[in-house]
Full PDB file with SEQRES, HELIX, SHEET, SSBOND, CRYST1, ORIGX, SCALE, CONECT and MASTER records, all heavy atoms in Angstrom:
SEQRES   1 A   31  GLU VAL HIS PHE HIS GLU VAL GLY ALA LEU ASP SER ILE          
SEQRES   2 A   31  VAL ASP ILE VAL GLY ALA ALA VAL CYS LEU ASP TYR LEU          
SEQRES   3 A   31  GLN VAL ASP ARG VAL                                          
HELIX    1 AA1 GLU A    6  LEU A   26  1                                  21    
CRYST1    1.000    1.000    1.000  90.00  90.00  90.00 P 1           1          
ORIGX1      1.000000  0.000000  0.000000        0.00000                         
ORIGX2      0.000000  1.000000  0.000000        0.00000                         
ORIGX3      0.000000  0.000000  1.000000        0.00000                         
SCALE1      1.000000  0.000000  0.000000        0.00000                         
SCALE2      0.000000  1.000000  0.000000        0.00000                         
SCALE3      0.000000  0.000000  1.000000        0.00000                         
ATOM      1  N   GLU A   1     -17.235   7.942   1.608  1.00  0.00           N  
ATOM      2  CA  GLU A   1     -17.566   8.656   0.371  1.00  0.00           C  
ATOM      3  C   GLU A   1     -16.358   9.289  -0.300  1.00  0.00           C  
ATOM      4  O   GLU A   1     -16.487   9.918  -1.349  1.00  0.00           O  
ATOM      5  CB  GLU A   1     -18.593   9.746   0.671  1.00  0.00           C  
ATOM      6  CG  GLU A   1     -19.912   9.209   1.224  1.00  0.00           C  
ATOM      7  CD  GLU A   1     -20.829  10.316   1.691  1.00  0.00           C  
ATOM      8  OE1 GLU A   1     -20.399  11.489   1.668  1.00  0.00           O  
ATOM      9  OE2 GLU A   1     -21.975  10.024   2.077  1.00  0.00           O  
ATOM     10  N   VAL A   2     -15.185   9.148   0.310  1.00  0.00           N  
ATOM     11  CA  VAL A   2     -13.990   9.766  -0.273  1.00  0.00           C  
ATOM     12  C   VAL A   2     -13.733   9.177  -1.654  1.00  0.00           C  
ATOM     13  O   VAL A   2     -13.740   7.957  -1.837  1.00  0.00           O  
ATOM     14  CB  VAL A   2     -12.759   9.548   0.634  1.00  0.00           C  
ATOM     15  CG1 VAL A   2     -11.484   9.975  -0.077  1.00  0.00           C  
ATOM     16  CG2 VAL A   2     -12.930  10.342   1.921  1.00  0.00           C  
ATOM     17  N   HIS A   3     -13.528  10.063  -2.650  1.00  0.00           N  
ATOM     18  CA  HIS A   3     -13.275   9.631  -4.015  1.00  0.00           C  
ATOM     19  C   HIS A   3     -11.801   9.804  -4.361  1.00  0.00           C  
ATOM     20  O   HIS A   3     -11.199  10.821  -4.033  1.00  0.00           O  
ATOM     21  CB  HIS A   3     -14.118  10.446  -5.008  1.00  0.00           C  
ATOM     22  CG  HIS A   3     -15.575  10.079  -4.998  1.00  0.00           C  
ATOM     23  ND1 HIS A   3     -16.402  10.362  -3.939  1.00  0.00           N  
ATOM     24  CD2 HIS A   3     -16.341   9.433  -5.912  1.00  0.00           C  
ATOM     25  CE1 HIS A   3     -17.628   9.921  -4.196  1.00  0.00           C  
ATOM     26  NE2 HIS A   3     -17.610   9.347  -5.389  1.00  0.00           N  
ATOM     27  N   PHE A   4     -11.252   8.822  -5.041  1.00  0.00           N  
ATOM     28  CA  PHE A   4      -9.883   8.888  -5.525  1.00  0.00           C  
ATOM     29  C   PHE A   4      -9.928   8.821  -7.053  1.00  0.00           C  
ATOM     30  O   PHE A   4     -10.530   7.912  -7.623  1.00  0.00           O  
ATOM     31  CB  PHE A   4      -9.056   7.707  -4.998  1.00  0.00           C  
ATOM     32  CG  PHE A   4      -8.883   7.715  -3.508  1.00  0.00           C  
ATOM     33  CD1 PHE A   4      -9.804   7.083  -2.685  1.00  0.00           C  
ATOM     34  CD2 PHE A   4      -7.810   8.360  -2.918  1.00  0.00           C  
ATOM     35  CE1 PHE A   4      -9.659   7.091  -1.316  1.00  0.00           C  
ATOM     36  CE2 PHE A   4      -7.663   8.371  -1.544  1.00  0.00           C  
ATOM     37  CZ  PHE A   4      -8.581   7.743  -0.744  1.00  0.00           C  
ATOM     38  N   HIS A   5      -9.302   9.805  -7.715  1.00  0.00           N  
ATOM     39  CA  HIS A   5      -9.217   9.737  -9.170  1.00  0.00           C  
ATOM     40  C   HIS A   5      -8.508   8.454  -9.562  1.00  0.00           C  
ATOM     41  O   HIS A   5      -7.581   8.002  -8.887  1.00  0.00           O  
ATOM     42  CB  HIS A   5      -8.466  10.962  -9.717  1.00  0.00           C  
ATOM     43  CG  HIS A   5      -9.254  12.222  -9.578  1.00  0.00           C  
ATOM     44  ND1 HIS A   5     -10.292  12.538 -10.406  1.00  0.00           N  
ATOM     45  CD2 HIS A   5      -9.163  13.229  -8.684  1.00  0.00           C  
ATOM     46  CE1 HIS A   5     -10.813  13.699 -10.031  1.00  0.00           C  
ATOM     47  NE2 HIS A   5     -10.141  14.138  -8.985  1.00  0.00           N  
ATOM     48  N   GLU A   6      -8.900   7.886 -10.687  1.00  0.00           N  
ATOM     49  CA  GLU A   6      -8.479   6.536 -11.034  1.00  0.00           C  
ATOM     50  C   GLU A   6      -6.960   6.379 -11.082  1.00  0.00           C  
ATOM     51  O   GLU A   6      -6.414   5.404 -10.598  1.00  0.00           O  
ATOM     52  CB  GLU A   6      -9.083   6.147 -12.394  1.00  0.00           C  
ATOM     53  CG  GLU A   6      -8.849   4.707 -12.788  1.00  0.00           C  
ATOM     54  CD  GLU A   6      -9.595   3.732 -11.891  1.00  0.00           C  
ATOM     55  OE1 GLU A   6     -10.427   4.176 -11.089  1.00  0.00           O  
ATOM     56  OE2 GLU A   6      -9.332   2.530 -11.976  1.00  0.00           O  
ATOM     57  N   VAL A   7      -6.259   7.353 -11.685  1.00  0.00           N  
ATOM     58  CA  VAL A   7      -4.807   7.236 -11.777  1.00  0.00           C  
ATOM     59  C   VAL A   7      -4.193   7.216 -10.389  1.00  0.00           C  
ATOM     60  O   VAL A   7      -3.376   6.362 -10.044  1.00  0.00           O  
ATOM     61  CB  VAL A   7      -4.220   8.398 -12.618  1.00  0.00           C  
ATOM     62  CG1 VAL A   7      -2.704   8.371 -12.559  1.00  0.00           C  
ATOM     63  CG2 VAL A   7      -4.699   8.298 -14.057  1.00  0.00           C  
ATOM     64  N   GLY A   8      -4.611   8.171  -9.546  1.00  0.00           N  
ATOM     65  CA  GLY A   8      -4.081   8.220  -8.192  1.00  0.00           C  
ATOM     66  C   GLY A   8      -4.445   6.996  -7.398  1.00  0.00           C  
ATOM     67  O   GLY A   8      -3.649   6.474  -6.622  1.00  0.00           O  
ATOM     68  N   ALA A   9      -5.670   6.484  -7.592  1.00  0.00           N  
ATOM     69  CA  ALA A   9      -6.096   5.306  -6.855  1.00  0.00           C  
ATOM     70  C   ALA A   9      -5.287   4.090  -7.252  1.00  0.00           C  
ATOM     71  O   ALA A   9      -4.894   3.294  -6.401  1.00  0.00           O  
ATOM     72  CB  ALA A   9      -7.585   5.057  -7.097  1.00  0.00           C  
ATOM     73  N   LEU A  10      -5.025   3.923  -8.538  1.00  0.00           N  
ATOM     74  CA  LEU A  10      -4.264   2.762  -8.997  1.00  0.00           C  
ATOM     75  C   LEU A  10      -2.845   2.803  -8.456  1.00  0.00           C  
ATOM     76  O   LEU A  10      -2.329   1.806  -7.940  1.00  0.00           O  
ATOM     77  CB  LEU A  10      -4.248   2.720 -10.533  1.00  0.00           C  
ATOM     78  CG  LEU A  10      -3.518   1.545 -11.178  1.00  0.00           C  
ATOM     79  CD1 LEU A  10      -4.082   0.224 -10.670  1.00  0.00           C  
ATOM     80  CD2 LEU A  10      -3.637   1.619 -12.691  1.00  0.00           C  
ATOM     81  N   ASP A  11      -2.204   3.955  -8.542  1.00  0.00           N  
ATOM     82  CA  ASP A  11      -0.869   4.106  -7.956  1.00  0.00           C  
ATOM     83  C   ASP A  11      -0.889   3.787  -6.466  1.00  0.00           C  
ATOM     84  O   ASP A  11      -0.025   3.078  -5.946  1.00  0.00           O  
ATOM     85  CB  ASP A  11      -0.372   5.545  -8.142  1.00  0.00           C  
ATOM     86  CG  ASP A  11       0.258   5.757  -9.503  1.00  0.00           C  
ATOM     87  OD1 ASP A  11       0.599   4.760 -10.157  1.00  0.00           O  
ATOM     88  OD2 ASP A  11       0.392   6.914  -9.914  1.00  0.00           O  
ATOM     89  N   SER A  12      -1.894   4.341  -5.780  1.00  0.00           N  
ATOM     90  CA  SER A  12      -1.955   4.166  -4.330  1.00  0.00           C  
ATOM     91  C   SER A  12      -2.200   2.722  -3.941  1.00  0.00           C  
ATOM     92  O   SER A  12      -1.626   2.229  -2.972  1.00  0.00           O  
ATOM     93  CB  SER A  12      -3.058   5.056  -3.745  1.00  0.00           C  
ATOM     94  OG  SER A  12      -2.762   6.425  -3.943  1.00  0.00           O  
ATOM     95  N   ILE A  13      -3.062   2.043  -4.695  1.00  0.00           N  
ATOM     96  CA  ILE A  13      -3.322   0.632  -4.395  1.00  0.00           C  
ATOM     97  C   ILE A  13      -2.043  -0.177  -4.508  1.00  0.00           C  
ATOM     98  O   ILE A  13      -1.706  -0.973  -3.625  1.00  0.00           O  
ATOM     99  CB  ILE A  13      -4.411   0.066  -5.329  1.00  0.00           C  
ATOM    100  CG1 ILE A  13      -5.765   0.694  -4.997  1.00  0.00           C  
ATOM    101  CG2 ILE A  13      -4.493  -1.449  -5.200  1.00  0.00           C  
ATOM    102  CD1 ILE A  13      -6.848   0.384  -6.006  1.00  0.00           C  
ATOM    103  N   VAL A  14      -1.301   0.038  -5.592  1.00  0.00           N  
ATOM    104  CA  VAL A  14      -0.044  -0.695  -5.786  1.00  0.00           C  
ATOM    105  C   VAL A  14       0.949  -0.345  -4.680  1.00  0.00           C  
ATOM    106  O   VAL A  14       1.561  -1.225  -4.062  1.00  0.00           O  
ATOM    107  CB  VAL A  14       0.557  -0.384  -7.174  1.00  0.00           C  
ATOM    108  CG1 VAL A  14       1.959  -1.001  -7.295  1.00  0.00           C  
ATOM    109  CG2 VAL A  14      -0.342  -0.918  -8.278  1.00  0.00           C  
ATOM    110  N   ASP A  15       1.106   0.961  -4.397  1.00  0.00           N  
ATOM    111  CA  ASP A  15       2.083   1.396  -3.396  1.00  0.00           C  
ATOM    112  C   ASP A  15       1.723   0.904  -1.995  1.00  0.00           C  
ATOM    113  O   ASP A  15       2.590   0.482  -1.223  1.00  0.00           O  
ATOM    114  CB  ASP A  15       2.193   2.925  -3.389  1.00  0.00           C  
ATOM    115  CG  ASP A  15       2.859   3.473  -4.638  1.00  0.00           C  
ATOM    116  OD1 ASP A  15       3.508   2.688  -5.349  1.00  0.00           O  
ATOM    117  OD2 ASP A  15       2.719   4.685  -4.895  1.00  0.00           O  
ATOM    118  N   ILE A  16       0.434   0.969  -1.659  1.00  0.00           N  
ATOM    119  CA  ILE A  16       0.018   0.623  -0.306  1.00  0.00           C  
ATOM    120  C   ILE A  16      -0.012  -0.888  -0.092  1.00  0.00           C  
ATOM    121  O   ILE A  16       0.502  -1.396   0.915  1.00  0.00           O  
ATOM    122  CB  ILE A  16      -1.349   1.267   0.007  1.00  0.00           C  
ATOM    123  CG1 ILE A  16      -1.165   2.783   0.176  1.00  0.00           C  
ATOM    124  CG2 ILE A  16      -1.973   0.662   1.256  1.00  0.00           C  
ATOM    125  CD1 ILE A  16      -2.454   3.560   0.314  1.00  0.00           C  
ATOM    126  N   VAL A  17      -0.596  -1.607  -1.039  1.00  0.00           N  
ATOM    127  CA  VAL A  17      -0.566  -3.068  -0.921  1.00  0.00           C  
ATOM    128  C   VAL A  17       0.874  -3.562  -0.955  1.00  0.00           C  
ATOM    129  O   VAL A  17       1.270  -4.451  -0.194  1.00  0.00           O  
ATOM    130  CB  VAL A  17      -1.400  -3.734  -2.033  1.00  0.00           C  
ATOM    131  CG1 VAL A  17      -1.259  -5.256  -1.967  1.00  0.00           C  
ATOM    132  CG2 VAL A  17      -2.859  -3.342  -1.908  1.00  0.00           C  
ATOM    133  N   GLY A  18       1.692  -2.958  -1.836  1.00  0.00           N  
ATOM    134  CA  GLY A  18       3.104  -3.340  -1.902  1.00  0.00           C  
ATOM    135  C   GLY A  18       3.831  -3.111  -0.595  1.00  0.00           C  
ATOM    136  O   GLY A  18       4.621  -3.947  -0.143  1.00  0.00           O  
ATOM    137  N   ALA A  19       3.564  -1.968   0.056  1.00  0.00           N  
ATOM    138  CA  ALA A  19       4.200  -1.678   1.344  1.00  0.00           C  
ATOM    139  C   ALA A  19       3.816  -2.724   2.382  1.00  0.00           C  
ATOM    140  O   ALA A  19       4.658  -3.209   3.148  1.00  0.00           O  
ATOM    141  CB  ALA A  19       3.789  -0.283   1.825  1.00  0.00           C  
ATOM    142  N   ALA A  20       2.521  -3.095   2.406  1.00  0.00           N  
ATOM    143  CA  ALA A  20       2.049  -4.089   3.370  1.00  0.00           C  
ATOM    144  C   ALA A  20       2.662  -5.460   3.098  1.00  0.00           C  
ATOM    145  O   ALA A  20       3.058  -6.179   4.022  1.00  0.00           O  
ATOM    146  CB  ALA A  20       0.521  -4.166   3.304  1.00  0.00           C  
ATOM    147  N   VAL A  21       2.764  -5.816   1.819  1.00  0.00           N  
ATOM    148  CA  VAL A  21       3.351  -7.105   1.438  1.00  0.00           C  
ATOM    149  C   VAL A  21       4.824  -7.167   1.843  1.00  0.00           C  
ATOM    150  O   VAL A  21       5.306  -8.175   2.367  1.00  0.00           O  
ATOM    151  CB  VAL A  21       3.187  -7.334  -0.076  1.00  0.00           C  
ATOM    152  CG1 VAL A  21       4.086  -8.471  -0.566  1.00  0.00           C  
ATOM    153  CG2 VAL A  21       1.731  -7.633  -0.411  1.00  0.00           C  
ATOM    154  N   CYS A  22       5.551  -6.068   1.613  1.00  0.00           N  
ATOM    155  CA  CYS A  22       6.982  -6.042   1.952  1.00  0.00           C  
ATOM    156  C   CYS A  22       7.204  -6.156   3.455  1.00  0.00           C  
ATOM    157  O   CYS A  22       8.106  -6.878   3.904  1.00  0.00           O  
ATOM    158  CB  CYS A  22       7.626  -4.767   1.414  1.00  0.00           C  
ATOM    159  SG  CYS A  22       7.790  -4.708  -0.383  1.00  0.00           S  
ATOM    160  N   LEU A  23       6.406  -5.456   4.240  1.00  0.00           N  
ATOM    161  CA  LEU A  23       6.538  -5.553   5.696  1.00  0.00           C  
ATOM    162  C   LEU A  23       6.242  -6.966   6.174  1.00  0.00           C  
ATOM    163  O   LEU A  23       6.921  -7.485   7.065  1.00  0.00           O  
ATOM    164  CB  LEU A  23       5.598  -4.558   6.372  1.00  0.00           C  
ATOM    165  CG  LEU A  23       6.075  -3.100   6.421  1.00  0.00           C  
ATOM    166  CD1 LEU A  23       4.957  -2.189   6.906  1.00  0.00           C  
ATOM    167  CD2 LEU A  23       7.296  -2.956   7.309  1.00  0.00           C  
ATOM    168  N   ASP A  24       5.236  -7.589   5.573  1.00  0.00           N  
ATOM    169  CA  ASP A  24       4.913  -8.964   5.928  1.00  0.00           C  
ATOM    170  C   ASP A  24       6.055  -9.904   5.539  1.00  0.00           C  
ATOM    171  O   ASP A  24       6.393 -10.837   6.274  1.00  0.00           O  
ATOM    172  CB  ASP A  24       3.617  -9.373   5.230  1.00  0.00           C  
ATOM    173  CG  ASP A  24       3.122 -10.744   5.671  1.00  0.00           C  
ATOM    174  OD1 ASP A  24       3.204 -11.044   6.871  1.00  0.00           O  
ATOM    175  OD2 ASP A  24       2.668 -11.518   4.810  1.00  0.00           O  
ATOM    176  N   TYR A  25       6.672  -9.657   4.397  1.00  0.00           N  
ATOM    177  CA  TYR A  25       7.793 -10.478   3.911  1.00  0.00           C  
ATOM    178  C   TYR A  25       8.985 -10.394   4.870  1.00  0.00           C  
ATOM    179  O   TYR A  25       9.632 -11.394   5.182  1.00  0.00           O  
ATOM    180  CB  TYR A  25       8.194  -9.995   2.526  1.00  0.00           C  
ATOM    181  CG  TYR A  25       9.356 -10.728   1.893  1.00  0.00           C  
ATOM    182  CD1 TYR A  25       9.144 -11.849   1.094  1.00  0.00           C  
ATOM    183  CD2 TYR A  25      10.663 -10.278   2.068  1.00  0.00           C  
ATOM    184  CE1 TYR A  25      10.212 -12.518   0.489  1.00  0.00           C  
ATOM    185  CE2 TYR A  25      11.734 -10.938   1.482  1.00  0.00           C  
ATOM    186  CZ  TYR A  25      11.502 -12.056   0.696  1.00  0.00           C  
ATOM    187  OH  TYR A  25      12.572 -12.714   0.109  1.00  0.00           O  
ATOM    188  N   LEU A  26       9.272  -9.180   5.369  1.00  0.00           N  
ATOM    189  CA  LEU A  26      10.447  -8.974   6.222  1.00  0.00           C  
ATOM    190  C   LEU A  26      10.233  -9.471   7.651  1.00  0.00           C  
ATOM    191  O   LEU A  26      11.199  -9.743   8.364  1.00  0.00           O  
ATOM    192  CB  LEU A  26      10.818  -7.493   6.245  1.00  0.00           C  
ATOM    193  CG  LEU A  26      11.331  -6.919   4.918  1.00  0.00           C  
ATOM    194  CD1 LEU A  26      11.479  -5.405   5.013  1.00  0.00           C  
ATOM    195  CD2 LEU A  26      12.668  -7.555   4.529  1.00  0.00           C  
ATOM    196  N   GLN A  27       8.966  -9.551   8.106  1.00  0.00           N  
ATOM    197  CA  GLN A  27       8.649 -10.072   9.438  1.00  0.00           C  
ATOM    198  C   GLN A  27       9.454  -9.358  10.536  1.00  0.00           C  
ATOM    199  O   GLN A  27      10.110  -9.988  11.367  1.00  0.00           O  
ATOM    200  CB  GLN A  27       8.912 -11.579   9.487  1.00  0.00           C  
ATOM    201  CG  GLN A  27       7.954 -12.409   8.638  1.00  0.00           C  
ATOM    202  CD  GLN A  27       6.548 -12.450   9.199  1.00  0.00           C  
ATOM    203  OE1 GLN A  27       6.334 -12.798  10.356  1.00  0.00           O  
ATOM    204  NE2 GLN A  27       5.571 -12.072   8.393  1.00  0.00           N  
ATOM    205  N   VAL A  28       9.403  -8.037  10.537  1.00  0.00           N  
ATOM    206  CA  VAL A  28      10.140  -7.275  11.549  1.00  0.00           C  
ATOM    207  C   VAL A  28       9.336  -7.215  12.841  1.00  0.00           C  
ATOM    208  O   VAL A  28       8.104  -7.342  12.840  1.00  0.00           O  
ATOM    209  CB  VAL A  28      10.474  -5.847  11.060  1.00  0.00           C  
ATOM    210  CG1 VAL A  28      11.382  -5.912   9.853  1.00  0.00           C  
ATOM    211  CG2 VAL A  28       9.223  -5.060  10.744  1.00  0.00           C  
ATOM    212  N   ASP A  29      10.034  -7.015  13.958  1.00  0.00           N  
ATOM    213  CA  ASP A  29       9.387  -6.922  15.263  1.00  0.00           C  
ATOM    214  C   ASP A  29       8.996  -5.492  15.618  1.00  0.00           C  
ATOM    215  O   ASP A  29       8.063  -5.273  16.397  1.00  0.00           O  
ATOM    216  CB  ASP A  29      10.329  -7.455  16.353  1.00  0.00           C  
ATOM    217  CG  ASP A  29      10.706  -8.901  16.116  1.00  0.00           C  
ATOM    218  OD1 ASP A  29       9.798  -9.744  16.073  1.00  0.00           O  
ATOM    219  OD2 ASP A  29      11.914  -9.191  15.955  1.00  0.00           O  
ATOM    220  N   ARG A  30       9.719  -4.535  15.052  1.00  0.00           N  
ATOM    221  CA  ARG A  30       9.492  -3.144  15.427  1.00  0.00           C  
ATOM    222  C   ARG A  30       9.857  -2.238  14.256  1.00  0.00           C  
ATOM    223  O   ARG A  30      10.865  -2.460  13.585  1.00  0.00           O  
ATOM    224  CB  ARG A  30      10.330  -2.798  16.660  1.00  0.00           C  
ATOM    225  CG  ARG A  30      10.023  -1.469  17.311  1.00  0.00           C  
ATOM    226  CD  ARG A  30      10.610  -1.446  18.713  1.00  0.00           C  
ATOM    227  NE  ARG A  30      10.574  -0.129  19.318  1.00  0.00           N  
ATOM    228  CZ  ARG A  30       9.502   0.429  19.864  1.00  0.00           C  
ATOM    229  NH1 ARG A  30       8.371  -0.218  19.854  1.00  0.00           N  
ATOM    230  NH2 ARG A  30       9.558   1.625  20.409  1.00  0.00           N  
ATOM    231  N   VAL A  31       9.022  -1.214  14.006  1.00  0.00           N  
ATOM    232  CA  VAL A  31       9.265  -0.261  12.921  1.00  0.00           C  
ATOM    233  C   VAL A  31       9.509   1.115  13.538  1.00  0.00           C  
ATOM    234  O   VAL A  31       8.703   1.602  14.341  1.00  0.00           O  
ATOM    235  CB  VAL A  31       8.079  -0.198  11.946  1.00  0.00           C  
ATOM    236  CG1 VAL A  31       8.365   0.792  10.818  1.00  0.00           C  
ATOM    237  CG2 VAL A  31       7.776  -1.575  11.365  1.00  0.00           C  
TER     238      VAL A  31                                                      
MASTER        0    0    0    1    0    0    0    6  237    1    0    3          
END                                                                             
């Protein structure tokens, strides 16, 4: 039920999906 205001949610979606995509791109063994 957690609500995210639209501006914050849009920023967060881009930042979080982007972070996941970058980690997948780099294929690191350990963070």
